Amino acid sequence: MRFVPLKSLEQQDIQMLHRIRERLIKNRTVLSNQIQGLLAEYGLVMPKGINHLKAHLPSFLEDGTNELSAPARRYFLGLNEKFDEMSVQIKSIYSEKLRINRQHEVCQRLSTITGIEPIVATAFYAGIVDGKAFNSGRHIYAWLSIVPGQHSTAGKPTLLGISKRGNTYFENTVD
């Protein structure tokens, strides 16, 4: 039987920071979609995406010729302030994770691997706990649930492409 190694308090703190960031990003996306949907009801349409919202919303609020009423402008201004506040919090957490990466030798070594950015390195450091628990890189991929699909018939296994059911957090750690 394999036992899960305990995380240190520092690793728990880092993992908590990653989870807070993930929640903030989800909430900011929800808010962005709501703002864009509400603007569309007033006939103010823009392409999807956070960057388009940042670019278009201030001009919509300043333009006195559009369909927005005075209360609607106030509401959108409040939503925009909340959106900006979330963006500042996300950037603050990003800076904190970069600081953590610079302080830990393990994170710095992980960052030297092609495809592992400093933020992903801190997530690995917090999530994996002790790399000695894995016999090979294949075991780490299995832990992340990044494994090839398999189809077997008549006792003959066929490996398929990599499944997309893995730990999505590690895919989405870069803004």
Protein backbone atom coordinates (compact mmCIF):
# COMPACT_ATOMS: atom_id res chain seq x y z
CA MET A 1 0.00 0.00 0.00
CA ARG A 2 1.31 3.46 -0.90
CA PHE A 3 0.85 6.25 1.58
CA VAL A 4 0.52 9.91 0.73
CA PRO A 5 3.43 11.91 2.16
CA LEU A 6 2.49 14.82 4.38
CA LYS A 7 3.06 18.34 3.11
CA SER A 8 5.04 20.82 5.13
CA LEU A 9 3.26 23.95 6.31
CA GLU A 10 5.15 25.92 3.67
CA GLN A 11 3.92 23.59 0.90
CA GLN A 12 0.36 23.88 2.22
CA ASP A 13 0.66 27.68 2.14
CA ILE A 14 1.94 27.63 -1.46
CA GLN A 15 -0.82 25.27 -2.54
CA MET A 16 -3.39 27.53 -0.85
CA LEU A 17 -1.99 30.48 -2.80
CA HIS A 18 -2.44 28.54 -6.06
CA ARG A 19 -6.02 27.63 -5.14
CA ILE A 20 -6.87 31.24 -4.25
CA ARG A 21 -5.47 32.37 -7.61
CA GLU A 22 -7.49 29.72 -9.43
CA ARG A 23 -10.70 30.89 -7.71
CA LEU A 24 -9.96 34.54 -8.48
CA ILE A 25 -9.40 33.74 -12.16
CA LYS A 26 -12.68 31.81 -12.34
CA ASN A 27 -14.58 34.62 -10.60
CA ARG A 28 -13.01 37.25 -12.86
CA THR A 29 -14.03 35.24 -15.93
CA VAL A 30 -17.59 34.94 -14.61
CA LEU A 31 -17.71 38.69 -13.96
CA SER A 32 -16.28 39.44 -17.40
CA ASN A 33 -18.90 37.26 -19.08
CA GLN A 34 -21.68 38.87 -17.07
CA ILE A 35 -20.52 42.39 -17.95
CA GLN A 36 -20.30 41.51 -21.65
CA GLY A 37 -23.76 39.90 -21.56
CA LEU A 38 -25.32 42.90 -19.84
CA LEU A 39 -23.65 45.29 -22.27
CA ALA A 40 -25.02 43.25 -25.18
CA GLU A 41 -28.54 43.83 -23.85
CA TYR A 42 -27.90 47.54 -24.39
CA GLY A 43 -26.63 46.88 -27.90
CA LEU A 44 -22.97 47.33 -26.96
CA VAL A 45 -21.21 44.26 -28.31
CA MET A 46 -17.49 43.45 -28.26
CA PRO A 47 -15.40 40.39 -29.04
CA LYS A 48 -15.08 37.79 -26.28
CA GLY A 49 -12.19 37.97 -23.87
CA ILE A 50 -10.89 39.86 -20.89
CA ASN A 51 -8.54 42.04 -22.94
CA HIS A 52 -11.42 43.23 -25.14
CA LEU A 53 -13.45 44.06 -22.04
CA LYS A 54 -10.58 46.12 -20.62
CA ALA A 55 -10.28 47.97 -23.93
CA HIS A 56 -13.97 48.61 -24.68
CA LEU A 57 -15.76 49.13 -21.35
CA PRO A 58 -14.16 52.49 -20.43
CA SER A 59 -15.03 53.91 -23.86
CA PHE A 60 -18.62 52.62 -23.55
CA LEU A 61 -18.95 54.33 -20.16
CA GLU A 62 -17.54 57.64 -21.45
CA ASP A 63 -19.63 57.70 -24.65
CA GLY A 64 -22.75 59.75 -23.90
CA THR A 65 -24.41 58.88 -27.22
CA ASN A 66 -25.00 55.18 -26.51
CA GLU A 67 -28.12 53.62 -24.93
CA LEU A 68 -26.75 53.42 -21.37
CA SER A 69 -28.81 55.20 -18.73
CA ALA A 70 -27.21 57.00 -15.77
CA PRO A 71 -27.96 54.13 -13.33
CA ALA A 72 -26.59 51.57 -15.82
CA ARG A 73 -23.37 53.56 -16.13
CA ARG A 74 -23.00 53.56 -12.32
CA TYR A 75 -23.62 49.81 -12.15
CA PHE A 76 -21.13 49.10 -14.93
CA LEU A 77 -18.59 51.38 -13.28
CA GLY A 78 -18.94 49.39 -10.05
CA LEU A 79 -18.58 46.09 -11.94
CA ASN A 80 -15.51 47.46 -13.72
CA GLU A 81 -13.95 48.47 -10.39
CA LYS A 82 -14.58 44.95 -9.02
CA PHE A 83 -13.03 43.48 -12.19
CA ASP A 84 -9.94 45.69 -11.81
CA GLU A 85 -9.67 44.77 -8.13
CA MET A 86 -9.65 41.06 -9.00
CA SER A 87 -7.00 41.65 -11.67
CA VAL A 88 -4.79 43.43 -9.14
CA GLN A 89 -5.19 40.54 -6.67
CA ILE A 90 -4.26 38.01 -9.38
CA LYS A 91 -1.15 40.00 -10.30
CA SER A 92 -0.20 40.26 -6.62
CA ILE A 93 -0.42 36.49 -6.21
CA TYR A 94 1.61 36.04 -9.41
CA SER A 95 4.35 38.25 -7.96
CA GLU A 96 4.25 36.33 -4.68
CA LYS A 97 4.69 33.03 -6.52
CA LEU A 98 7.66 34.42 -8.45
CA ARG A 99 9.20 35.45 -5.13
CA ILE A 100 8.62 31.94 -3.74
CA ASN A 101 10.22 30.44 -6.85
CA ARG A 102 13.35 32.58 -6.36
CA GLN A 103 13.65 31.49 -2.71
CA HIS A 104 13.49 27.71 -3.21
CA GLU A 105 16.25 25.69 -4.79
CA VAL A 106 13.80 22.92 -5.77
CA CYS A 107 11.60 25.39 -7.66
CA GLN A 108 14.62 26.89 -9.40
CA ARG A 109 15.80 23.44 -10.51
CA LEU A 110 12.30 22.57 -11.76
CA SER A 111 12.24 25.86 -13.71
CA THR A 112 15.28 24.74 -15.71
CA ILE A 113 13.21 21.94 -17.29
CA THR A 114 11.87 22.86 -20.73
CA GLY A 115 8.18 23.73 -20.47
CA ILE A 116 8.20 24.28 -16.69
CA GLU A 117 7.73 27.94 -15.91
CA PRO A 118 8.38 29.37 -12.43
CA ILE A 119 4.69 29.31 -11.51
CA VAL A 120 4.30 25.67 -12.55
CA ALA A 121 7.45 24.87 -10.57
CA THR A 122 5.88 26.23 -7.38
CA ALA A 123 2.71 24.22 -8.07
CA PHE A 124 4.79 21.05 -8.48
CA TYR A 125 6.76 21.85 -5.33
CA ALA A 126 3.55 22.26 -3.34
CA GLY A 127 1.69 19.35 -4.93
CA ILE A 128 4.22 16.58 -5.33
CA VAL A 129 5.74 16.96 -1.84
CA ASP A 130 8.61 14.49 -2.31
CA GLY A 131 9.79 13.45 -5.75
CA LYS A 132 11.30 10.28 -4.26
CA ALA A 133 7.79 8.87 -4.01
CA PHE A 134 7.81 8.46 -7.82
CA ASN A 135 9.96 5.85 -9.53
CA SER A 136 10.03 7.62 -12.90
CA GLY A 137 8.58 10.45 -14.94
CA ARG A 138 5.81 8.10 -16.07
CA HIS A 139 4.58 7.85 -12.50
CA ILE A 140 4.43 11.63 -12.23
CA TYR A 141 2.40 11.76 -15.45
CA ALA A 142 0.06 9.12 -14.04
CA TRP A 143 -0.28 11.19 -10.84
CA LEU A 144 -1.25 14.16 -13.01
CA SER A 145 -3.66 11.86 -14.94
CA ILE A 146 -1.85 12.63 -18.19
CA VAL A 147 -1.82 9.16 -19.66
CA PRO A 148 -2.54 7.70 -23.09
CA GLY A 149 -5.96 6.25 -23.66
CA GLN A 150 -6.10 2.55 -24.26
CA HIS A 151 -8.34 0.36 -26.35
CA SER A 152 -8.02 -3.40 -26.06
CA THR A 153 -9.65 -6.03 -28.19
CA ALA A 154 -8.88 -9.73 -28.45
CA GLY A 155 -6.15 -9.29 -25.87
CA LYS A 156 -4.27 -6.83 -28.06
CA PRO A 157 -3.88 -3.40 -26.40
CA THR A 158 -3.69 -0.27 -28.56
CA LEU A 159 -2.44 2.98 -27.05
CA LEU A 160 -4.31 6.09 -28.13
CA GLY A 161 -3.56 9.80 -27.70
CA ILE A 162 -3.06 11.54 -24.38
CA SER A 163 -6.31 11.96 -22.47
CA LYS A 164 -7.52 15.45 -21.63
CA ARG A 165 -8.78 14.38 -18.21
CA GLY A 166 -5.66 15.30 -16.28
CA ASN A 167 -5.07 17.90 -13.64
CA THR A 168 -6.16 21.03 -15.52
CA TYR A 169 -4.61 23.37 -12.97
CA PHE A 170 -1.11 22.67 -14.24
CA GLU A 171 -2.26 23.50 -17.79
CA ASN A 172 -3.78 26.83 -16.71
CA THR A 173 -1.10 28.21 -14.42
CA VAL A 174 0.17 30.83 -16.86
CA ASP A 175 -1.93 33.97 -17.53
